[in-house]
Amino acid sequence: MNASEARLQGLLIRGLDGEAPAYQAFLMEMSTHLRAYFRRRLARLPDEVEDLVQETLLAIHNKRHTYDTHQPLTAWVHAIAKYKLIDLLRRRAGRELLTDPIDDEADFFSTADSEAAEARRDLGKLLEQLPDRQRLPIVHTKLEGLSVTEAAQLTGMSESAIKVGVHRGMKALAALIRGAS
């Protein structure tokens, strides 16, 4: 069992025991995994992904009492998601709309993690293209969560230079992304 699945299973079990915040956290995290799972399989139907995520979360909620806590969470969630996907494909007239196999439950919890890693890598490549006076303020304030004052102290730049660097850097990143599209 991977760490993500173990964490989600723990949250679900605590939720089943009546701990509302744990159940809320389970649903929020599960939506991320479901979104990634459906996005990979429905590249030609991106508008359907969010509806399918909500339908699956509702089914999980309605069937939560059927989950056997001694069994892997992956198989149970994957079965529900798979049936919701099949229902959608039947409504939309066929499996040719799929971009990935429907029965691949092994990567269910790894999909969101790998997409996040890819996004971090892509962002890192974009940030490398910026000069330090733009890159460092973005990294420290937007990615690391430091205040403008803390970023200024860390970099030796003035607070106004940090603010300007973030503003110009974000504009430059947007231009780089538009150019890559």
C-alpha atoms as a PDB file:
ATOM      1  CA  MET A   1       0.000   0.000   0.000  1.00  0.00           C
ATOM      2  CA  ASN A   2       1.513   3.351  -0.974  1.00  0.00           C
ATOM      3  CA  ALA A   3       1.571   6.329   1.384  1.00  0.00           C
ATOM      4  CA  SER A   4      -1.226   8.160  -0.419  1.00  0.00           C
ATOM      5  CA  GLU A   5      -3.540   5.177  -0.240  1.00  0.00           C
ATOM      6  CA  ALA A   6      -2.684   4.556   3.415  1.00  0.00           C
ATOM      7  CA  ARG A   7      -3.410   8.194   4.279  1.00  0.00           C
ATOM      8  CA  LEU A   8      -6.725   8.157   2.417  1.00  0.00           C
ATOM      9  CA  GLN A   9      -7.734   4.853   3.953  1.00  0.00           C
ATOM     10  CA  GLY A  10      -6.976   6.251   7.410  1.00  0.00           C
ATOM     11  CA  LEU A  11      -9.053   9.354   6.715  1.00  0.00           C
ATOM     12  CA  LEU A  12     -11.959   7.263   5.416  1.00  0.00           C
ATOM     13  CA  ILE A  13     -11.874   4.926   8.414  1.00  0.00           C
ATOM     14  CA  ARG A  14     -11.835   7.880  10.811  1.00  0.00           C
ATOM     15  CA  GLY A  15     -14.688   9.406   8.797  1.00  0.00           C
ATOM     16  CA  LEU A  16     -16.663   6.175   9.037  1.00  0.00           C
ATOM     17  CA  ASP A  17     -16.152   6.360  12.802  1.00  0.00           C
ATOM     18  CA  GLY A  18     -17.879   9.749  12.805  1.00  0.00           C
ATOM     19  CA  GLU A  19     -14.927  12.147  12.523  1.00  0.00           C
ATOM     20  CA  ALA A  20     -16.378  14.723  10.110  1.00  0.00           C
ATOM     21  CA  PRO A  21     -13.146  16.699   9.438  1.00  0.00           C
ATOM     22  CA  ALA A  22     -11.324  13.479   8.493  1.00  0.00           C
ATOM     23  CA  TYR A  23     -14.131  12.502   6.127  1.00  0.00           C
ATOM     24  CA  GLN A  24     -14.123  15.987   4.575  1.00  0.00           C
ATOM     25  CA  ALA A  25     -10.339  15.707   4.065  1.00  0.00           C
ATOM     26  CA  PHE A  26     -10.835  12.248   2.521  1.00  0.00           C
ATOM     27  CA  LEU A  27     -13.342  13.603  -0.004  1.00  0.00           C
ATOM     28  CA  MET A  28     -11.150  16.588  -0.874  1.00  0.00           C
ATOM     29  CA  GLU A  29      -8.039  14.457  -1.438  1.00  0.00           C
ATOM     30  CA  MET A  30     -10.005  11.780  -3.258  1.00  0.00           C
ATOM     31  CA  SER A  31     -11.342  14.394  -5.670  1.00  0.00           C
ATOM     32  CA  THR A  32      -7.744  15.187  -6.692  1.00  0.00           C
ATOM     33  CA  HIS A  33      -7.023  11.534  -7.457  1.00  0.00           C
ATOM     34  CA  LEU A  34     -10.306  11.065  -9.293  1.00  0.00           C
ATOM     35  CA  ARG A  35      -9.746  14.211 -11.361  1.00  0.00           C
ATOM     36  CA  ALA A  36      -6.319  12.958 -12.463  1.00  0.00           C
ATOM     37  CA  TYR A  37      -7.689   9.469 -13.170  1.00  0.00           C
ATOM     38  CA  PHE A  38     -10.531  10.754 -15.346  1.00  0.00           C
ATOM     39  CA  ARG A  39      -8.423  13.442 -17.057  1.00  0.00           C
ATOM     40  CA  ARG A  40      -5.994  10.804 -18.309  1.00  0.00           C
ATOM     41  CA  ARG A  41      -8.778   8.653 -19.667  1.00  0.00           C
ATOM     42  CA  LEU A  42     -11.007  11.364 -21.100  1.00  0.00           C
ATOM     43  CA  ALA A  43      -8.607  13.668 -22.924  1.00  0.00           C
ATOM     44  CA  ARG A  44     -11.190  14.043 -25.701  1.00  0.00           C
ATOM     45  CA  LEU A  45     -13.971  14.894 -23.241  1.00  0.00           C
ATOM     46  CA  PRO A  46     -12.375  17.328 -20.769  1.00  0.00           C
ATOM     47  CA  ASP A  47     -15.734  18.945 -19.986  1.00  0.00           C
ATOM     48  CA  GLU A  48     -17.004  15.646 -18.552  1.00  0.00           C
ATOM     49  CA  VAL A  49     -14.211  15.214 -16.014  1.00  0.00           C
ATOM     50  CA  GLU A  50     -15.583  17.421 -13.242  1.00  0.00           C
ATOM     51  CA  ASP A  51     -19.098  15.963 -13.509  1.00  0.00           C
ATOM     52  CA  LEU A  52     -17.653  12.462 -13.327  1.00  0.00           C
ATOM     53  CA  VAL A  53     -15.579  13.390 -10.270  1.00  0.00           C
ATOM     54  CA  GLN A  54     -18.715  14.659  -8.514  1.00  0.00           C
ATOM     55  CA  GLU A  55     -20.785  11.608  -9.527  1.00  0.00           C
ATOM     56  CA  THR A  56     -18.058   9.293  -8.236  1.00  0.00           C
ATOM     57  CA  LEU A  57     -17.675  11.172  -4.951  1.00  0.00           C
ATOM     58  CA  LEU A  58     -21.428  10.955  -4.461  1.00  0.00           C
ATOM     59  CA  ALA A  59     -21.362   7.206  -5.165  1.00  0.00           C
ATOM     60  CA  ILE A  60     -18.455   6.758  -2.729  1.00  0.00           C
ATOM     61  CA  HIS A  61     -20.409   8.692  -0.117  1.00  0.00           C
ATOM     62  CA  ASN A  62     -23.596   6.695  -0.699  1.00  0.00           C
ATOM     63  CA  LYS A  63     -21.725   3.353  -0.635  1.00  0.00           C
ATOM     64  CA  ARG A  64     -19.221   4.169   2.138  1.00  0.00           C
ATOM     65  CA  HIS A  65     -20.935   1.705   4.475  1.00  0.00           C
ATOM     66  CA  THR A  66     -19.996  -1.137   2.062  1.00  0.00           C
ATOM     67  CA  TYR A  67     -16.251  -0.506   2.320  1.00  0.00           C
ATOM     68  CA  ASP A  68     -14.418  -3.366   4.056  1.00  0.00           C
ATOM     69  CA  THR A  69     -11.698  -1.652   6.092  1.00  0.00           C
ATOM     70  CA  HIS A  70      -9.503  -4.762   5.855  1.00  0.00           C
ATOM     71  CA  GLN A  71      -9.344  -4.487   2.060  1.00  0.00           C
ATOM     72  CA  PRO A  72      -7.293  -2.080  -0.067  1.00  0.00           C
ATOM     73  CA  LEU A  73      -9.006   1.209  -0.710  1.00  0.00           C
ATOM     74  CA  THR A  74      -7.670   1.262  -4.294  1.00  0.00           C
ATOM     75  CA  ALA A  75      -9.777  -1.650  -5.512  1.00  0.00           C
ATOM     76  CA  TRP A  76     -12.974  -0.327  -3.952  1.00  0.00           C
ATOM     77  CA  VAL A  77     -12.598   3.245  -5.225  1.00  0.00           C
ATOM     78  CA  HIS A  78     -11.345   2.105  -8.619  1.00  0.00           C
ATOM     79  CA  ALA A  79     -14.388  -0.117  -9.089  1.00  0.00           C
ATOM     80  CA  ILE A  80     -16.746   2.768  -8.355  1.00  0.00           C
ATOM     81  CA  ALA A  81     -14.817   5.157 -10.626  1.00  0.00           C
ATOM     82  CA  LYS A  82     -14.641   2.554 -13.393  1.00  0.00           C
ATOM     83  CA  TYR A  83     -18.397   1.970 -13.334  1.00  0.00           C
ATOM     84  CA  LYS A  84     -19.085   5.715 -13.425  1.00  0.00           C
ATOM     85  CA  LEU A  85     -16.735   5.993 -16.402  1.00  0.00           C
ATOM     86  CA  ILE A  86     -18.453   3.096 -18.170  1.00  0.00           C
ATOM     87  CA  ASP A  87     -21.842   4.720 -17.566  1.00  0.00           C
ATOM     88  CA  LEU A  88     -20.573   7.937 -19.131  1.00  0.00           C
ATOM     89  CA  LEU A  89     -19.108   6.116 -22.119  1.00  0.00           C
ATOM     90  CA  ARG A  90     -22.366   4.256 -22.688  1.00  0.00           C
ATOM     91  CA  ARG A  91     -24.222   7.556 -22.631  1.00  0.00           C
ATOM     92  CA  ARG A  92     -21.663   9.078 -25.013  1.00  0.00           C
ATOM     93  CA  ALA A  93     -21.646   6.066 -27.382  1.00  0.00           C
ATOM     94  CA  GLY A  94     -18.484   4.155 -26.896  1.00  0.00           C
ATOM     95  CA  ARG A  95     -15.051   3.372 -25.623  1.00  0.00           C
ATOM     96  CA  GLU A  96     -13.256   5.025 -28.548  1.00  0.00           C
ATOM     97  CA  LEU A  97     -13.314   8.203 -26.463  1.00  0.00           C
ATOM     98  CA  LEU A  98     -10.890   6.676 -23.943  1.00  0.00           C
ATOM     99  CA  THR A  99      -7.216   7.572 -24.086  1.00  0.00           C
ATOM    100  CA  ASP A 100      -6.011   5.150 -21.378  1.00  0.00           C
ATOM    101  CA  PRO A 101      -7.114   1.640 -20.369  1.00  0.00           C
ATOM    102  CA  ILE A 102     -10.105   1.559 -18.071  1.00  0.00           C
ATOM    103  CA  ASP A 103      -8.943  -1.423 -15.964  1.00  0.00           C
ATOM    104  CA  ASP A 104      -5.599  -0.049 -14.792  1.00  0.00           C
ATOM    105  CA  GLU A 105      -6.176   0.330 -11.062  1.00  0.00           C
ATOM    106  CA  ALA A 106      -2.480  -0.007 -10.199  1.00  0.00           C
ATOM    107  CA  ASP A 107      -1.815   3.648 -10.986  1.00  0.00           C
ATOM    108  CA  PHE A 108      -4.990   5.053  -9.446  1.00  0.00           C
ATOM    109  CA  PHE A 109      -3.260   6.795  -6.548  1.00  0.00           C
ATOM    110  CA  SER A 110      -0.008   7.468  -8.387  1.00  0.00           C
ATOM    111  CA  THR A 111      -1.631   9.483 -11.186  1.00  0.00           C
ATOM    112  CA  ALA A 112      -2.213  12.658  -9.178  1.00  0.00           C
ATOM    113  CA  ASP A 113       1.223  12.384  -7.595  1.00  0.00           C
ATOM    114  CA  SER A 114       2.946  11.983 -10.966  1.00  0.00           C
ATOM    115  CA  GLU A 115       0.965  14.853 -12.487  1.00  0.00           C
ATOM    116  CA  ALA A 116       1.986  17.093  -9.590  1.00  0.00           C
ATOM    117  CA  ALA A 117       5.632  16.070 -10.049  1.00  0.00           C
ATOM    118  CA  GLU A 118       5.396  16.826 -13.784  1.00  0.00           C
ATOM    119  CA  ALA A 119       3.867  20.228 -13.051  1.00  0.00           C
ATOM    120  CA  ARG A 120       6.655  21.034 -10.558  1.00  0.00           C
ATOM    121  CA  ARG A 121       9.281  20.000 -13.114  1.00  0.00           C
ATOM    122  CA  ASP A 122       7.642  22.107 -15.844  1.00  0.00           C
ATOM    123  CA  LEU A 123       7.397  25.106 -13.525  1.00  0.00           C
ATOM    124  CA  GLY A 124      11.048  24.655 -12.588  1.00  0.00           C
ATOM    125  CA  LYS A 125      12.050  24.718 -16.264  1.00  0.00           C
ATOM    126  CA  LEU A 126      10.045  27.888 -16.824  1.00  0.00           C
ATOM    127  CA  LEU A 127      11.482  29.557 -13.739  1.00  0.00           C
ATOM    128  CA  GLU A 128      15.032  28.737 -14.881  1.00  0.00           C
ATOM    129  CA  GLN A 129      14.432  31.001 -17.888  1.00  0.00           C
ATOM    130  CA  LEU A 130      13.809  34.040 -15.690  1.00  0.00           C
ATOM    131  CA  PRO A 131      16.531  36.311 -14.357  1.00  0.00           C
ATOM    132  CA  ASP A 132      17.258  36.042 -10.618  1.00  0.00           C
ATOM    133  CA  ARG A 133      15.557  39.395  -9.896  1.00  0.00           C
ATOM    134  CA  GLN A 134      12.255  37.812 -11.075  1.00  0.00           C
ATOM    135  CA  ARG A 135      12.796  34.135 -10.297  1.00  0.00           C
ATOM    136  CA  LEU A 136      13.886  34.501  -6.654  1.00  0.00           C
ATOM    137  CA  PRO A 137      10.953  36.703  -5.561  1.00  0.00           C
ATOM    138  CA  ILE A 138       8.489  34.237  -7.138  1.00  0.00           C
ATOM    139  CA  VAL A 139      10.177  31.198  -5.608  1.00  0.00           C
ATOM    140  CA  HIS A 140      10.372  32.725  -2.127  1.00  0.00           C
ATOM    141  CA  THR A 141       6.936  34.390  -1.963  1.00  0.00           C
ATOM    142  CA  LYS A 142       4.716  32.272  -4.190  1.00  0.00           C
ATOM    143  CA  LEU A 143       6.237  28.802  -3.834  1.00  0.00           C
ATOM    144  CA  GLU A 144       7.840  28.861  -0.387  1.00  0.00           C
ATOM    145  CA  GLY A 145       5.199  31.130   1.164  1.00  0.00           C
ATOM    146  CA  LEU A 146       7.568  33.714   2.613  1.00  0.00           C
ATOM    147  CA  SER A 147       6.380  37.253   3.204  1.00  0.00           C
ATOM    148  CA  VAL A 148       7.710  40.084   1.049  1.00  0.00           C
ATOM    149  CA  THR A 149       9.777  41.240   4.039  1.00  0.00           C
ATOM    150  CA  GLU A 150      11.261  37.769   4.581  1.00  0.00           C
ATOM    151  CA  ALA A 151      12.058  37.389   0.866  1.00  0.00           C
ATOM    152  CA  ALA A 152      13.727  40.812   0.848  1.00  0.00           C
ATOM    153  CA  GLN A 153      15.877  39.889   3.860  1.00  0.00           C
ATOM    154  CA  LEU A 154      16.812  36.539   2.336  1.00  0.00           C
ATOM    155  CA  THR A 155      17.772  37.933  -1.083  1.00  0.00           C
ATOM    156  CA  GLY A 156      19.172  41.304  -0.041  1.00  0.00           C
ATOM    157  CA  MET A 157      16.648  43.004  -2.333  1.00  0.00           C
ATOM    158  CA  SER A 158      14.321  45.795  -1.197  1.00  0.00           C
ATOM    159  CA  GLU A 159      10.674  44.992  -0.475  1.00  0.00           C
ATOM    160  CA  SER A 160       9.577  47.046  -3.478  1.00  0.00           C
ATOM    161  CA  ALA A 161      12.083  45.163  -5.676  1.00  0.00           C
ATOM    162  CA  ILE A 162      10.533  41.890  -4.461  1.00  0.00           C
ATOM    163  CA  LYS A 163       7.044  43.114  -5.366  1.00  0.00           C
ATOM    164  CA  VAL A 164       8.183  44.353  -8.778  1.00  0.00           C
ATOM    165  CA  GLY A 165      10.095  41.109  -9.360  1.00  0.00           C
ATOM    166  CA  VAL A 166       7.030  39.018  -8.588  1.00  0.00           C
ATOM    167  CA  HIS A 167       4.819  41.142 -10.830  1.00  0.00           C
ATOM    168  CA  ARG A 168       7.229  41.166 -13.784  1.00  0.00           C
ATOM    169  CA  GLY A 169       8.169  37.536 -13.264  1.00  0.00           C
ATOM    170  CA  MET A 170       4.543  36.413 -13.313  1.00  0.00           C
ATOM    171  CA  LYS A 171       3.983  38.370 -16.530  1.00  0.00           C
ATOM    172  CA  ALA A 172       7.098  36.769 -18.034  1.00  0.00           C
ATOM    173  CA  LEU A 173       5.936  33.287 -16.959  1.00  0.00           C
ATOM    174  CA  ALA A 174       2.539  33.889 -18.550  1.00  0.00           C
ATOM    175  CA  ALA A 175       4.259  34.938 -21.781  1.00  0.00           C
ATOM    176  CA  LEU A 176       6.463  31.825 -21.692  1.00  0.00           C
ATOM    177  CA  ILE A 177       3.436  29.601 -21.158  1.00  0.00           C
ATOM    178  CA  ARG A 178       1.519  31.254 -23.998  1.00  0.00           C
ATOM    179  CA  GLY A 179       4.544  30.753 -26.222  1.00  0.00           C
ATOM    180  CA  ALA A 180       4.726  27.054 -25.297  1.00  0.00           C
ATOM    181  CA  SER A 181       1.043  26.415 -26.047  1.00  0.00           C
END
